[in-house]
Amino acid sequence: MTSRAQEILFSIVRAYIETGEPQGSRTISRAFDSRHAAIASSPATIRNIMADLTDEGYLSQPHTSAGRIPTEKAFRAYVGSLNARPMQPGDSQRLLSELGGIHSFQGRVEHSCRLLTEISHAVGIAAAVQAGAGELEHLELIGLAERRVLVVVVTRDGHASNRIVTLSEQVSPEELVSLRNYINWNFGGWQLDAARREIQRRIAEERAAYDAILSRLSMLAQKDFLASDRVDRVHMEGASNLVGLDLHLTRERMRDLFRALEEKQRVAELLNRFLDISQGVPQGVSVQIGLGEAHPSMKELALIGVSFTLPGGLVTRVAVLGPMRMNYGRVMSAVAGIGRALETLPSA
């Protein structure tokens, strides 16, 4: 795509975001000339470029006599040209003050959700989810009657979970001590998901040096003994903002969309699927245009969010779910600012 074609495409996207109307060549010519007076283009030239962009899949034409509207491909190209600009100093200070005045991390996540909704006029989502359910601090195995074992898993952020598993054969107290020491020594500090995968790999390898331990460990692994009892905490506000948007949904499809958004686990999976996890300071905002893969009713929606990992393996995600016709620059800036504030504030 030439630089002129790209600028014309982005002018169409910006105009469509603002008006929601198909864009004609004359309108785009005026808008383009106001931004690029040195390289003014006639409506005929714009019309030819728009025809090429249509052939390339960036624009569609609802009717032969109507103007063009940008496709998902066009929105992706436009968003790819944007960066999440820093918030204005005043807005950033207000944000830090508001979130810093809340004395629980849970409260900060909930308030972030409300802020995102206010700023975007779309659906604000904030979630605290477990990356591999935390890092292993200590494992304890306690033998009980009838082949049962009490498994206590303590993670480095202080969370403890316990469950009783029933093994296929009796394991002696001495063997349980050996298993406990083996796991704590080899996997202390590991993410629980990573530890589970490595244990399964070692069992599959059947290395001679570990045969005695692995034969017992395989029984525990079959019971998913490193599973956590944590529940992802997801907060969402502003779903009613989707009502009235021209999402081309039937009443039944709109009902399906709201049902999907009511399921917290589905929303958590949506974030997990489309948002990358950045270690440390958020490296960038992720934007997903079109969510039809997650749910057919979300085909015309976009997700803008950021993920970061706190000490102890807690992943925090803040995101905005809204129509493709969003003010991407403003929302990306807000998402990045809120994510950065949540990460840099002292522990609540």
Protein backbone atom coordinates (compact mmCIF):
# COMPACT_ATOMS: atom_id res chain seq x y z
CA MET A 1 0.00 0.00 0.00
CA THR A 2 1.37 3.42 -0.93
CA SER A 3 1.64 6.12 1.72
CA ARG A 4 -1.14 8.10 -0.01
CA ALA A 5 -3.46 5.06 -0.08
CA GLN A 6 -2.68 4.42 3.57
CA GLU A 7 -3.51 7.99 4.56
CA ILE A 8 -6.75 7.85 2.59
CA LEU A 9 -7.66 4.55 4.25
CA PHE A 10 -6.94 5.97 7.70
CA SER A 11 -9.02 9.07 6.88
CA ILE A 12 -11.93 6.77 6.03
CA VAL A 13 -11.49 4.82 9.27
CA ARG A 14 -11.35 8.01 11.36
CA ALA A 15 -14.41 9.45 9.64
CA TYR A 16 -16.34 6.20 10.03
CA ILE A 17 -15.45 6.00 13.74
CA GLU A 18 -16.76 9.54 14.17
CA THR A 19 -19.95 9.31 12.12
CA GLY A 20 -20.78 5.64 11.63
CA GLU A 21 -21.76 6.46 8.04
CA PRO A 22 -20.37 5.08 4.75
CA GLN A 23 -17.78 7.47 3.36
CA GLY A 24 -17.87 8.91 -0.16
CA SER A 25 -14.91 10.07 -2.22
CA ARG A 26 -15.89 13.76 -2.08
CA THR A 27 -16.11 13.76 1.73
CA ILE A 28 -12.79 11.94 2.07
CA SER A 29 -11.18 14.29 -0.47
CA ARG A 30 -12.06 17.30 1.68
CA ALA A 31 -10.87 15.60 4.87
CA PHE A 32 -7.65 14.41 3.20
CA ASP A 33 -6.90 17.85 1.72
CA SER A 34 -7.36 19.53 5.11
CA ARG A 35 -4.72 17.23 6.62
CA HIS A 36 -2.37 17.11 3.61
CA ALA A 37 -2.70 20.44 1.81
CA ALA A 38 0.61 19.93 0.01
CA ILE A 39 -0.60 16.79 -1.76
CA ALA A 40 -4.25 17.56 -2.47
CA SER A 41 -6.13 14.90 -4.40
CA SER A 42 -9.24 15.21 -6.53
CA PRO A 43 -12.40 13.21 -5.76
CA ALA A 44 -11.71 11.16 -8.89
CA THR A 45 -8.24 10.20 -7.65
CA ILE A 46 -9.64 9.37 -4.21
CA ARG A 47 -12.39 7.32 -5.87
CA ASN A 48 -9.83 5.25 -7.80
CA ILE A 49 -7.75 4.63 -4.68
CA MET A 50 -10.89 3.67 -2.75
CA ALA A 51 -11.76 1.18 -5.50
CA ASP A 52 -8.30 -0.37 -5.17
CA LEU A 53 -8.66 -0.55 -1.39
CA THR A 54 -12.01 -2.27 -1.86
CA ASP A 55 -10.44 -4.85 -4.17
CA GLU A 56 -7.73 -5.45 -1.55
CA GLY A 57 -10.28 -6.13 1.18
CA TYR A 58 -9.82 -2.94 3.22
CA LEU A 59 -13.19 -1.41 2.32
CA SER A 60 -16.67 -2.71 1.61
CA GLN A 61 -19.61 -1.09 -0.14
CA PRO A 62 -23.04 -1.81 1.39
CA HIS A 63 -24.83 -0.67 -1.80
CA THR A 64 -23.59 0.24 -5.26
CA SER A 65 -24.56 3.89 -4.81
CA ALA A 66 -23.30 4.13 -1.22
CA GLY A 67 -19.91 5.10 0.10
CA ARG A 68 -17.39 2.68 1.58
CA ILE A 69 -17.01 1.40 5.12
CA PRO A 70 -13.80 -0.03 6.60
CA THR A 71 -13.50 -3.77 7.13
CA GLU A 72 -11.80 -5.63 9.98
CA LYS A 73 -8.64 -5.62 7.85
CA ALA A 74 -8.79 -1.82 7.65
CA PHE A 75 -9.27 -1.43 11.39
CA ARG A 76 -6.31 -3.73 12.03
CA ALA A 77 -4.10 -1.66 9.72
CA TYR A 78 -5.23 1.57 11.40
CA VAL A 79 -4.71 0.27 14.94
CA GLY A 80 -1.28 -1.03 13.93
CA SER A 81 -0.24 2.55 13.19
CA LEU A 82 -1.17 3.78 16.69
CA ASN A 83 0.75 3.86 19.95
CA ALA A 84 -0.69 4.17 23.44
CA ARG A 85 0.28 7.73 24.25
CA PRO A 86 0.93 8.61 27.90
CA MET A 87 -2.02 10.09 29.72
CA GLN A 88 -1.99 13.82 30.45
CA PRO A 89 -0.07 14.50 33.71
CA GLY A 90 -3.21 15.78 35.41
CA ASP A 91 -5.22 12.68 34.44
CA SER A 92 -2.37 10.40 35.49
CA GLN A 93 -2.08 12.06 38.91
CA ARG A 94 -5.84 11.85 39.44
CA LEU A 95 -5.74 8.18 38.53
CA LEU A 96 -2.92 7.41 40.97
CA SER A 97 -4.69 9.37 43.69
CA GLU A 98 -7.99 7.55 43.19
CA LEU A 99 -6.49 4.07 43.04
CA GLY A 100 -3.93 4.79 45.77
CA GLY A 101 -6.73 5.79 48.13
CA ILE A 102 -8.21 2.29 47.92
CA HIS A 103 -6.64 -0.03 50.46
CA SER A 104 -7.26 -3.41 48.87
CA PHE A 105 -6.09 -4.77 45.56
CA GLN A 106 -9.57 -6.17 44.95
CA GLY A 107 -11.02 -2.70 45.41
CA ARG A 108 -8.50 -1.21 43.00
CA VAL A 109 -9.41 -3.78 40.35
CA GLU A 110 -13.11 -3.01 40.75
CA HIS A 111 -12.52 0.75 40.58
CA SER A 112 -10.35 0.32 37.47
CA CYS A 113 -13.30 -1.40 35.85
CA ARG A 114 -15.53 1.60 36.54
CA LEU A 115 -12.90 4.05 35.26
CA LEU A 116 -12.53 2.16 32.00
CA THR A 117 -16.30 2.19 31.51
CA GLU A 118 -16.50 5.96 32.13
CA ILE A 119 -13.61 6.76 29.80
CA SER A 120 -14.59 4.49 26.92
CA HIS A 121 -18.41 4.47 27.15
CA ALA A 122 -18.06 0.76 26.39
CA VAL A 123 -17.60 -2.33 28.56
CA GLY A 124 -14.83 -2.04 31.15
CA ILE A 125 -13.25 -5.29 32.29
CA ALA A 126 -10.69 -5.77 35.03
CA ALA A 127 -9.53 -9.17 36.15
CA ALA A 128 -7.09 -10.73 38.57
CA VAL A 129 -6.27 -14.22 37.38
CA GLN A 130 -3.69 -16.77 38.30
CA ALA A 131 -0.72 -17.35 36.04
CA GLY A 132 -0.26 -21.05 36.64
CA ALA A 133 -2.02 -20.50 40.00
CA GLY A 134 1.10 -19.00 41.58
CA GLU A 135 4.66 -20.06 42.40
CA LEU A 136 5.26 -23.08 44.58
CA GLU A 137 6.66 -22.25 48.00
CA HIS A 138 6.14 -25.57 49.74
CA LEU A 139 4.33 -28.88 49.34
CA GLU A 140 3.29 -31.15 52.19
CA LEU A 141 2.04 -34.76 51.82
CA ILE A 142 0.34 -36.42 54.78
CA GLY A 143 -0.70 -40.06 54.64
CA LEU A 144 -4.23 -40.98 55.73
CA ALA A 145 -6.09 -44.26 55.97
CA GLU A 146 -7.27 -46.27 52.95
CA ARG A 147 -4.66 -45.04 50.44
CA ARG A 148 -5.66 -41.40 50.91
CA VAL A 149 -3.14 -38.55 51.00
CA LEU A 150 -3.68 -34.99 52.20
CA VAL A 151 -1.93 -32.63 49.75
CA VAL A 152 -1.16 -29.11 50.99
CA VAL A 153 0.14 -26.62 48.40
CA VAL A 154 1.50 -23.27 49.60
CA THR A 155 2.38 -20.60 47.01
CA ARG A 156 4.83 -17.74 47.46
CA ASP A 157 2.10 -15.14 47.82
CA GLY A 158 0.93 -16.94 50.98
CA HIS A 159 -2.06 -18.79 49.54
CA ALA A 160 -2.55 -22.33 50.84
CA SER A 161 -4.85 -24.94 49.37
CA ASN A 162 -5.42 -28.51 50.44
CA ARG A 163 -7.19 -31.52 49.05
CA ILE A 164 -7.39 -35.22 49.73
CA VAL A 165 -6.56 -37.63 46.91
CA THR A 166 -7.02 -41.38 46.84
CA LEU A 167 -4.14 -43.29 45.24
CA SER A 168 -4.29 -46.60 43.43
CA GLU A 169 -2.02 -48.24 46.03
CA GLN A 170 -0.72 -47.54 49.50
CA VAL A 171 2.32 -45.28 49.84
CA SER A 172 4.42 -45.47 53.00
CA PRO A 173 5.18 -42.38 55.15
CA GLU A 174 8.85 -42.66 54.16
CA GLU A 175 7.94 -42.60 50.46
CA LEU A 176 5.72 -39.55 51.00
CA VAL A 177 8.63 -37.74 52.66
CA SER A 178 10.87 -38.58 49.70
CA LEU A 179 8.22 -37.34 47.27
CA ARG A 180 7.71 -34.14 49.24
CA ASN A 181 11.45 -33.44 49.39
CA TYR A 182 11.88 -34.21 45.70
CA ILE A 183 9.13 -31.79 44.66
CA ASN A 184 10.16 -29.00 47.04
CA TRP A 185 13.81 -29.29 46.09
CA ASN A 186 13.25 -29.48 42.33
CA PHE A 187 10.24 -27.23 41.88
CA GLY A 188 10.32 -24.62 44.62
CA GLY A 189 9.70 -21.23 42.98
CA TRP A 190 8.23 -22.76 39.82
CA GLN A 191 4.84 -21.75 38.46
CA LEU A 192 2.47 -24.61 39.30
CA ASP A 193 1.51 -25.11 35.65
CA ALA A 194 5.16 -25.31 34.63
CA ALA A 195 5.91 -27.74 37.47
CA ARG A 196 3.03 -29.99 36.38
CA ARG A 197 4.29 -30.03 32.80
CA GLU A 198 7.86 -30.84 33.83
CA ILE A 199 6.73 -33.63 36.16
CA GLN A 200 4.73 -35.18 33.33
CA ARG A 201 7.76 -34.88 31.05
CA ARG A 202 10.00 -36.63 33.55
CA ILE A 203 7.46 -39.38 34.09
CA ALA A 204 7.22 -39.91 30.34
CA GLU A 205 11.02 -40.11 30.07
CA GLU A 206 11.24 -42.71 32.85
CA ARG A 207 14.81 -41.80 33.65
CA ALA A 208 16.47 -44.61 35.59
CA ALA A 209 17.73 -42.28 38.32
CA TYR A 210 14.19 -41.30 39.18
CA ASP A 211 12.34 -44.56 38.60
CA ALA A 212 11.63 -45.18 42.28
CA ILE A 213 10.26 -41.71 42.89
CA LEU A 214 8.50 -41.32 39.56
CA SER A 215 6.56 -44.54 39.94
CA ARG A 216 4.95 -43.01 43.03
CA LEU A 217 4.84 -39.50 41.63
CA SER A 218 2.87 -40.68 38.62
CA MET A 219 0.02 -41.70 40.93
CA LEU A 220 -0.10 -38.19 42.40
CA ALA A 221 0.18 -36.60 38.96
CA GLN A 222 -2.87 -38.53 37.80
CA LYS A 223 -4.80 -36.78 40.58
CA ASP A 224 -3.55 -33.32 39.46
CA PHE A 225 -2.12 -32.83 42.94
CA LEU A 226 -0.73 -29.36 42.11
CA ALA A 227 -4.14 -27.98 41.18
CA SER A 228 -5.13 -24.77 42.92
CA ASP A 229 -8.50 -23.93 44.45
CA ARG A 230 -8.24 -20.31 43.38
CA VAL A 231 -11.03 -18.67 41.42
CA ASP A 232 -10.31 -15.96 38.87
CA ARG A 233 -11.74 -12.60 39.96
CA VAL A 234 -13.37 -10.81 37.07
CA HIS A 235 -15.19 -7.48 37.23
CA MET A 236 -17.13 -6.02 34.36
CA GLU A 237 -19.26 -2.90 33.98
CA GLY A 238 -21.03 -1.14 31.16
CA ALA A 239 -22.52 -4.07 29.24
CA SER A 240 -25.64 -1.92 28.79
CA ASN A 241 -23.50 0.41 26.63
CA LEU A 242 -23.68 -2.24 23.91
CA VAL A 243 -27.45 -1.78 23.65
CA GLY A 244 -28.31 0.54 20.81
CA LEU A 245 -25.07 -0.03 18.91
CA ASP A 246 -25.53 -1.10 15.32
CA LEU A 247 -23.93 -4.52 15.70
CA HIS A 248 -26.24 -6.11 13.10
CA LEU A 249 -27.42 -8.60 15.70
CA THR A 250 -30.85 -10.16 15.86
CA ARG A 251 -32.64 -10.02 19.19
CA GLU A 252 -31.66 -13.65 19.76
CA ARG A 253 -27.99 -12.95 18.99
CA MET A 254 -28.01 -9.92 21.29
CA ARG A 255 -29.43 -12.13 24.03
CA ASP A 256 -26.64 -14.66 23.37
CA LEU A 257 -24.06 -11.87 23.67
CA PHE A 258 -25.35 -10.77 27.06
CA ARG A 259 -25.50 -14.35 28.28
CA ALA A 260 -21.88 -14.83 27.23
CA LEU A 261 -20.81 -11.68 29.07
CA GLU A 262 -22.66 -12.78 32.21
CA GLU A 263 -20.44 -15.86 32.46
CA LYS A 264 -17.35 -14.71 34.34
CA GLN A 265 -15.36 -17.76 33.29
CA ARG A 266 -16.11 -17.05 29.63
CA VAL A 267 -14.93 -13.46 30.06
CA ALA A 268 -11.75 -14.68 31.77
CA GLU A 269 -11.14 -17.06 28.88
CA LEU A 270 -11.69 -14.18 26.44
CA LEU A 271 -8.96 -12.17 28.16
CA ASN A 272 -6.64 -15.18 28.36
CA ARG A 273 -7.11 -15.90 24.69
CA PHE A 274 -6.53 -12.46 23.24
CA LEU A 275 -4.27 -10.60 25.68
CA ASP A 276 -0.57 -11.32 25.90
CA ILE A 277 1.12 -11.48 29.29
CA SER A 278 3.93 -8.97 29.65
CA GLN A 279 6.45 -9.45 32.41
CA GLY A 280 7.09 -6.37 34.56
CA VAL A 281 6.04 -2.99 33.22
CA PRO A 282 3.38 -3.34 30.52
CA GLN A 283 5.25 -3.48 27.22
CA GLY A 284 2.27 -2.52 25.11
CA VAL A 285 -1.44 -2.63 24.69
CA SER A 286 -2.98 -5.55 22.83
CA VAL A 287 -5.83 -4.86 20.42
CA GLN A 288 -7.98 -7.61 18.95
CA ILE A 289 -10.33 -6.57 16.14
CA GLY A 290 -13.29 -8.91 15.71
CA LEU A 291 -13.96 -11.55 18.37
CA GLY A 292 -15.99 -13.99 16.32
CA GLU A 293 -13.59 -16.80 17.26
CA ALA A 294 -14.66 -16.45 20.88
CA HIS A 295 -18.39 -16.10 20.21
CA PRO A 296 -20.36 -15.49 16.99
CA SER A 297 -22.19 -12.52 18.55
CA MET A 298 -18.83 -10.78 19.19
CA LYS A 299 -17.82 -10.62 15.54
CA GLU A 300 -18.16 -6.83 15.37
CA LEU A 301 -16.54 -6.12 18.73
CA ALA A 302 -12.97 -5.18 19.58
CA LEU A 303 -10.93 -5.83 22.73
CA ILE A 304 -8.26 -3.39 23.93
CA GLY A 305 -6.28 -4.47 26.98
CA VAL A 306 -3.01 -4.98 28.76
CA SER A 307 -1.67 -7.72 31.03
CA PHE A 308 1.07 -7.69 33.61
CA THR A 309 2.29 -10.07 36.29
CA LEU A 310 2.61 -9.09 39.93
CA PRO A 311 4.99 -10.79 42.40
CA GLY A 312 3.60 -14.18 43.39
CA GLY A 313 2.22 -14.97 39.94
CA LEU A 314 -0.95 -12.87 40.05
CA VAL A 315 -1.79 -11.69 36.55
CA THR A 316 -3.84 -8.51 36.31
CA ARG A 317 -5.61 -7.60 33.11
CA VAL A 318 -7.51 -4.45 32.32
CA ALA A 319 -9.45 -4.17 29.09
CA VAL A 320 -12.21 -2.44 27.20
CA LEU A 321 -14.68 -4.44 25.12
CA GLY A 322 -16.57 -2.33 22.63
CA PRO A 323 -17.58 -1.80 19.01
CA MET A 324 -15.00 -1.53 16.28
CA ARG A 325 -16.00 2.15 16.07
CA MET A 326 -14.02 3.09 19.17
CA ASN A 327 -11.71 6.01 19.80
CA TYR A 328 -8.71 3.68 19.82
CA GLY A 329 -6.12 6.28 20.74
CA ARG A 330 -8.03 7.45 23.82
CA VAL A 331 -8.93 3.96 24.98
CA MET A 332 -5.42 2.58 24.45
CA SER A 333 -4.00 5.47 26.48
CA ALA A 334 -6.49 4.88 29.30
CA VAL A 335 -5.89 1.11 29.38
CA ALA A 336 -2.10 1.56 29.46
CA GLY A 337 -2.34 4.26 32.17
CA ILE A 338 -4.60 2.23 34.43
CA GLY A 339 -2.48 -0.88 33.96
CA ARG A 340 0.69 1.02 34.80
CA ALA A 341 -0.91 2.59 37.88
CA LEU A 342 -2.12 -0.77 39.21
CA GLU A 343 1.34 -2.25 38.82
CA THR A 344 3.39 0.63 40.25
CA LEU A 345 1.24 1.48 43.27
CA PRO A 346 2.50 0.06 46.60
CA SER A 347 0.91 -3.24 47.58
CA ALA A 348 -2.58 -2.80 48.95
